[in-house]
Amino acid sequence: IIPRLCAIMKLGIVISQTDPETVWNAFRFGNFSINKGHSVRAFLIGKGVECVEIENKEFNVVNQINEYVENNGKIFACGTCLVSRNKEGSPICPMSTMNDLMELVEQSDRIVSF
């Protein structure tokens, strides 16, 4: 039997919530995908822009995000969503636009939404 080889994919992850387990799993999936050799970009929208502030003993979201960034995963955050919460972008999570989200969708082979 010849093993089936998977092509390298460009994955887009859209995160729109702050449930600790869900966000933890989103970044865990991103890390797993990067470790399999895929290219991953994440876009935070709506409540998702608050995910970097999640503190939860059972689901360590910050550790998953840090690992994702260390793995060269890219994160973008909706600028309008940040401003509406009196927040700013950061070097690892720049303030982005709908155009950036559209480019993520257009350039990705698959989109996964959390």
N, C-alpha and C. Protein backbone atom coordinates (compact mmCIF):
# COMPACT_ATOMS: atom_id res chain seq x y z
N ILE A 1 0.85 -1.18 0.00
CA ILE A 1 0.00 0.00 0.00
C ILE A 1 0.89 1.23 0.00
N ILE A 2 0.60 2.15 -0.89
CA ILE A 2 1.34 3.40 -0.99
C ILE A 2 0.67 4.43 -0.09
N PRO A 3 1.44 5.04 0.84
CA PRO A 3 0.81 6.05 1.71
C PRO A 3 0.38 7.27 0.90
N ARG A 4 -0.76 7.81 1.26
CA ARG A 4 -1.29 9.00 0.60
C ARG A 4 -0.58 10.22 1.18
N LEU A 5 0.02 11.02 0.32
CA LEU A 5 0.71 12.22 0.76
C LEU A 5 -0.24 13.40 0.75
N CYS A 6 -0.24 14.14 1.82
CA CYS A 6 -1.09 15.33 1.91
C CYS A 6 -0.32 16.53 1.40
N ALA A 7 -0.96 17.32 0.58
CA ALA A 7 -0.35 18.54 0.09
C ALA A 7 -0.30 19.57 1.21
N ILE A 8 0.68 20.44 1.13
CA ILE A 8 0.77 21.55 2.08
C ILE A 8 -0.41 22.47 1.82
N MET A 9 -1.13 22.79 2.87
CA MET A 9 -2.30 23.66 2.73
C MET A 9 -2.05 25.01 3.39
N LYS A 10 -2.78 25.99 2.90
CA LYS A 10 -2.84 27.30 3.53
C LYS A 10 -4.17 27.33 4.28
N LEU A 11 -4.09 27.37 5.61
CA LEU A 11 -5.29 27.36 6.43
C LEU A 11 -5.57 28.73 7.01
N GLY A 12 -6.83 29.09 7.03
CA GLY A 12 -7.27 30.31 7.69
C GLY A 12 -8.16 29.92 8.86
N ILE A 13 -7.87 30.47 10.03
CA ILE A 13 -8.68 30.21 11.22
C ILE A 13 -9.33 31.52 11.62
N VAL A 14 -10.66 31.51 11.75
CA VAL A 14 -11.40 32.69 12.17
C VAL A 14 -11.95 32.41 13.56
N ILE A 15 -11.59 33.27 14.51
CA ILE A 15 -12.02 33.10 15.90
C ILE A 15 -12.90 34.28 16.27
N SER A 16 -14.15 33.97 16.69
CA SER A 16 -15.10 35.05 16.98
C SER A 16 -15.69 34.95 18.37
N GLN A 17 -15.03 34.22 19.26
CA GLN A 17 -15.56 34.10 20.61
C GLN A 17 -14.46 34.01 21.65
N THR A 18 -14.86 34.00 22.91
CA THR A 18 -13.90 33.98 24.01
C THR A 18 -14.07 32.78 24.93
N ASP A 19 -14.86 31.80 24.54
CA ASP A 19 -14.98 30.60 25.36
C ASP A 19 -13.59 29.96 25.48
N PRO A 20 -13.06 29.80 26.69
CA PRO A 20 -11.68 29.32 26.86
C PRO A 20 -11.39 28.00 26.13
N GLU A 21 -12.27 27.02 26.25
CA GLU A 21 -12.01 25.73 25.61
C GLU A 21 -11.99 25.86 24.09
N THR A 22 -12.91 26.64 23.55
CA THR A 22 -12.99 26.81 22.09
C THR A 22 -11.75 27.51 21.54
N VAL A 23 -11.34 28.59 22.19
CA VAL A 23 -10.16 29.34 21.70
C VAL A 23 -8.90 28.49 21.89
N TRP A 24 -8.81 27.78 23.00
CA TRP A 24 -7.67 26.89 23.25
C TRP A 24 -7.58 25.85 22.13
N ASN A 25 -8.73 25.26 21.78
CA ASN A 25 -8.74 24.27 20.69
C ASN A 25 -8.42 24.89 19.34
N ALA A 26 -8.84 26.12 19.10
CA ALA A 26 -8.53 26.78 17.83
C ALA A 26 -7.03 26.93 17.66
N PHE A 27 -6.35 27.42 18.69
CA PHE A 27 -4.90 27.60 18.58
C PHE A 27 -4.16 26.26 18.67
N ARG A 28 -4.72 25.31 19.39
CA ARG A 28 -4.13 23.97 19.44
C ARG A 28 -4.17 23.35 18.04
N PHE A 29 -5.30 23.54 17.34
CA PHE A 29 -5.42 23.06 15.97
C PHE A 29 -4.42 23.79 15.06
N GLY A 30 -4.29 25.11 15.27
CA GLY A 30 -3.31 25.88 14.49
C GLY A 30 -1.90 25.35 14.69
N ASN A 31 -1.53 25.08 15.94
CA ASN A 31 -0.20 24.55 16.24
C ASN A 31 0.00 23.17 15.62
N PHE A 32 -1.00 22.32 15.75
CA PHE A 32 -0.93 20.98 15.16
C PHE A 32 -0.73 21.07 13.65
N SER A 33 -1.47 21.96 13.01
CA SER A 33 -1.39 22.13 11.55
C SER A 33 -0.02 22.64 11.13
N ILE A 34 0.52 23.60 11.86
CA ILE A 34 1.86 24.11 11.56
C ILE A 34 2.89 23.00 11.70
N ASN A 35 2.75 22.21 12.76
CA ASN A 35 3.69 21.10 12.97
C ASN A 35 3.59 20.03 11.89
N LYS A 36 2.46 19.97 11.19
CA LYS A 36 2.31 19.05 10.06
C LYS A 36 2.83 19.68 8.76
N GLY A 37 3.33 20.93 8.85
CA GLY A 37 3.91 21.58 7.69
C GLY A 37 3.01 22.54 6.95
N HIS A 38 1.81 22.78 7.46
CA HIS A 38 0.88 23.68 6.79
C HIS A 38 1.13 25.13 7.20
N SER A 39 0.67 26.05 6.38
CA SER A 39 0.74 27.48 6.65
C SER A 39 -0.58 27.90 7.29
N VAL A 40 -0.50 28.63 8.42
CA VAL A 40 -1.72 28.99 9.15
C VAL A 40 -1.73 30.47 9.49
N ARG A 41 -2.88 31.09 9.24
CA ARG A 41 -3.12 32.48 9.66
C ARG A 41 -4.45 32.52 10.40
N ALA A 42 -4.48 33.28 11.48
CA ALA A 42 -5.70 33.41 12.28
C ALA A 42 -6.19 34.85 12.24
N PHE A 43 -7.51 35.00 12.17
CA PHE A 43 -8.12 36.32 12.20
C PHE A 43 -9.10 36.36 13.35
N LEU A 44 -8.92 37.33 14.24
CA LEU A 44 -9.79 37.52 15.39
C LEU A 44 -10.84 38.57 15.05
N ILE A 45 -12.09 38.24 15.28
CA ILE A 45 -13.17 39.17 14.96
C ILE A 45 -14.23 39.12 16.07
N GLY A 46 -14.95 40.22 16.27
CA GLY A 46 -15.95 40.27 17.33
C GLY A 46 -15.29 40.02 18.68
N LYS A 47 -15.96 39.22 19.51
CA LYS A 47 -15.41 38.90 20.83
C LYS A 47 -14.03 38.25 20.74
N GLY A 48 -13.73 37.65 19.61
CA GLY A 48 -12.45 36.96 19.44
C GLY A 48 -11.23 37.84 19.68
N VAL A 49 -11.37 39.16 19.49
CA VAL A 49 -10.22 40.05 19.72
C VAL A 49 -9.83 40.09 21.19
N GLU A 50 -10.70 39.59 22.07
CA GLU A 50 -10.41 39.56 23.50
C GLU A 50 -9.72 38.27 23.94
N CYS A 51 -9.49 37.35 23.03
CA CYS A 51 -9.00 36.02 23.41
C CYS A 51 -7.61 36.04 24.03
N VAL A 52 -6.80 37.04 23.72
CA VAL A 52 -5.45 37.09 24.30
C VAL A 52 -5.48 37.39 25.80
N GLU A 53 -6.65 37.75 26.32
CA GLU A 53 -6.78 38.07 27.74
C GLU A 53 -7.44 36.96 28.55
N ILE A 54 -7.72 35.83 27.91
CA ILE A 54 -8.41 34.73 28.60
C ILE A 54 -7.47 34.10 29.63
N GLU A 55 -7.94 34.04 30.85
CA GLU A 55 -7.21 33.35 31.91
C GLU A 55 -8.10 32.21 32.39
N ASN A 56 -7.61 30.98 32.23
CA ASN A 56 -8.39 29.82 32.62
C ASN A 56 -7.42 28.73 33.04
N LYS A 57 -7.62 28.14 34.22
CA LYS A 57 -6.70 27.12 34.73
C LYS A 57 -6.75 25.83 33.92
N GLU A 58 -7.93 25.46 33.45
CA GLU A 58 -8.09 24.21 32.72
C GLU A 58 -7.61 24.31 31.27
N PHE A 59 -7.86 25.46 30.64
CA PHE A 59 -7.50 25.66 29.23
C PHE A 59 -6.58 26.88 29.14
N ASN A 60 -5.28 26.62 29.07
CA ASN A 60 -4.30 27.70 29.07
C ASN A 60 -4.18 28.29 27.66
N VAL A 61 -5.07 29.20 27.37
CA VAL A 61 -5.14 29.82 26.05
C VAL A 61 -3.85 30.57 25.72
N VAL A 62 -3.33 31.32 26.69
CA VAL A 62 -2.13 32.13 26.45
C VAL A 62 -0.95 31.25 26.04
N ASN A 63 -0.80 30.09 26.67
CA ASN A 63 0.29 29.18 26.27
C ASN A 63 0.13 28.72 24.83
N GLN A 64 -1.11 28.39 24.43
CA GLN A 64 -1.35 27.96 23.06
C GLN A 64 -1.06 29.09 22.07
N ILE A 65 -1.47 30.31 22.42
CA ILE A 65 -1.21 31.46 21.55
C ILE A 65 0.29 31.70 21.44
N ASN A 66 1.00 31.65 22.57
CA ASN A 66 2.46 31.85 22.54
C ASN A 66 3.15 30.80 21.69
N GLU A 67 2.73 29.55 21.83
CA GLU A 67 3.31 28.48 21.01
C GLU A 67 3.02 28.72 19.53
N TYR A 68 1.81 29.16 19.24
CA TYR A 68 1.41 29.45 17.86
C TYR A 68 2.30 30.54 17.25
N VAL A 69 2.53 31.60 18.00
CA VAL A 69 3.38 32.70 17.52
C VAL A 69 4.83 32.21 17.36
N GLU A 70 5.32 31.43 18.33
CA GLU A 70 6.68 30.87 18.24
C GLU A 70 6.82 29.97 17.02
N ASN A 71 5.73 29.32 16.63
CA ASN A 71 5.73 28.45 15.44
C ASN A 71 5.55 29.25 14.15
N ASN A 72 5.62 30.57 14.24
CA ASN A 72 5.45 31.47 13.09
C ASN A 72 4.03 31.52 12.56
N GLY A 73 3.06 31.19 13.41
CA GLY A 73 1.66 31.38 13.03
C GLY A 73 1.37 32.88 13.06
N LYS A 74 0.56 33.34 12.16
CA LYS A 74 0.22 34.77 12.07
C LYS A 74 -1.17 35.02 12.64
N ILE A 75 -1.30 36.14 13.37
CA ILE A 75 -2.58 36.53 13.95
C ILE A 75 -2.91 37.96 13.51
N PHE A 76 -4.15 38.16 13.10
CA PHE A 76 -4.64 39.49 12.73
C PHE A 76 -5.91 39.74 13.54
N ALA A 77 -6.17 41.00 13.88
CA ALA A 77 -7.35 41.33 14.68
C ALA A 77 -8.14 42.44 13.99
N CYS A 78 -9.44 42.29 13.96
CA CYS A 78 -10.33 43.28 13.36
C CYS A 78 -10.15 44.62 14.08
N GLY A 79 -9.74 45.63 13.33
CA GLY A 79 -9.52 46.96 13.90
C GLY A 79 -10.78 47.57 14.48
N THR A 80 -11.89 47.44 13.79
CA THR A 80 -13.15 47.99 14.28
C THR A 80 -13.55 47.32 15.59
N CYS A 81 -13.35 46.01 15.67
CA CYS A 81 -13.70 45.26 16.88
C CYS A 81 -12.80 45.66 18.05
N LEU A 82 -11.52 45.91 17.76
CA LEU A 82 -10.60 46.37 18.80
C LEU A 82 -11.00 47.76 19.30
N VAL A 83 -11.24 48.68 18.37
CA VAL A 83 -11.58 50.06 18.73
C VAL A 83 -12.87 50.10 19.55
N SER A 84 -13.85 49.29 19.18
CA SER A 84 -15.12 49.29 19.92
C SER A 84 -14.94 48.81 21.36
N ARG A 85 -13.81 48.16 21.64
CA ARG A 85 -13.51 47.67 22.98
C ARG A 85 -12.39 48.49 23.63
N ASN A 86 -12.06 49.64 23.02
CA ASN A 86 -10.98 50.50 23.50
C ASN A 86 -9.66 49.74 23.63
N LYS A 87 -9.37 48.91 22.63
CA LYS A 87 -8.13 48.13 22.60
C LYS A 87 -7.33 48.51 21.37
N GLU A 88 -6.08 48.11 21.37
CA GLU A 88 -5.19 48.38 20.25
C GLU A 88 -4.59 47.07 19.75
N GLY A 89 -4.03 47.11 18.56
CA GLY A 89 -3.30 45.96 18.05
C GLY A 89 -1.97 45.87 18.77
N SER A 90 -1.22 44.82 18.46
CA SER A 90 0.11 44.64 19.05
C SER A 90 1.03 44.09 17.96
N PRO A 91 2.33 44.03 18.23
CA PRO A 91 3.24 43.49 17.21
C PRO A 91 2.90 42.06 16.78
N ILE A 92 2.43 41.22 17.72
CA ILE A 92 2.09 39.85 17.32
C ILE A 92 0.66 39.73 16.82
N CYS A 93 -0.14 40.76 17.04
CA CYS A 93 -1.54 40.73 16.63
C CYS A 93 -1.94 42.12 16.13
N PRO A 94 -1.51 42.46 14.91
CA PRO A 94 -1.75 43.82 14.41
C PRO A 94 -3.22 44.12 14.13
N MET A 95 -3.57 45.39 14.28
CA MET A 95 -4.90 45.86 13.94
C MET A 95 -5.07 45.69 12.43
N SER A 96 -6.14 45.03 12.04
CA SER A 96 -6.34 44.69 10.64
C SER A 96 -7.71 45.16 10.16
N THR A 97 -8.00 44.89 8.90
CA THR A 97 -9.22 45.39 8.27
C THR A 97 -10.01 44.25 7.62
N MET A 98 -11.20 44.58 7.15
CA MET A 98 -12.00 43.61 6.40
C MET A 98 -11.24 43.16 5.15
N ASN A 99 -10.44 44.05 4.59
CA ASN A 99 -9.63 43.67 3.43
C ASN A 99 -8.65 42.55 3.80
N ASP A 100 -8.05 42.63 5.00
CA ASP A 100 -7.14 41.57 5.45
C ASP A 100 -7.88 40.25 5.62
N LEU A 101 -9.11 40.33 6.16
CA LEU A 101 -9.91 39.11 6.31
C LEU A 101 -10.25 38.54 4.93
N MET A 102 -10.61 39.41 3.99
CA MET A 102 -10.93 38.93 2.64
C MET A 102 -9.71 38.28 1.99
N GLU A 103 -8.53 38.88 2.17
CA GLU A 103 -7.31 38.27 1.62
C GLU A 103 -7.03 36.92 2.26
N LEU A 104 -7.27 36.79 3.56
CA LEU A 104 -7.09 35.50 4.22
C LEU A 104 -8.01 34.46 3.59
N VAL A 105 -9.27 34.84 3.35
CA VAL A 105 -10.23 33.92 2.73
C VAL A 105 -9.80 33.58 1.31
N GLU A 106 -9.44 34.59 0.54
CA GLU A 106 -9.07 34.37 -0.86
C GLU A 106 -7.81 33.52 -1.00
N GLN A 107 -6.87 33.67 -0.08
CA GLN A 107 -5.57 33.00 -0.21
C GLN A 107 -5.51 31.66 0.52
N SER A 108 -6.54 31.30 1.26
CA SER A 108 -6.54 30.05 2.02
C SER A 108 -7.16 28.92 1.20
N ASP A 109 -6.62 27.72 1.40
CA ASP A 109 -7.22 26.54 0.80
C ASP A 109 -8.45 26.11 1.59
N ARG A 110 -8.41 26.33 2.90
CA ARG A 110 -9.49 25.96 3.79
C ARG A 110 -9.64 27.03 4.88
N ILE A 111 -10.88 27.28 5.30
CA ILE A 111 -11.17 28.18 6.40
C ILE A 111 -11.85 27.36 7.50
N VAL A 112 -11.38 27.54 8.72
CA VAL A 112 -11.99 26.90 9.88
C VAL A 112 -12.43 28.02 10.82
N SER A 113 -13.68 27.97 11.23
CA SER A 113 -14.22 29.02 12.08
C SER A 113 -14.53 28.49 13.47
N PHE A 114 -14.07 29.22 14.48
CA PHE A 114 -14.32 28.85 15.88
C PHE A 114 -15.07 29.98 16.56
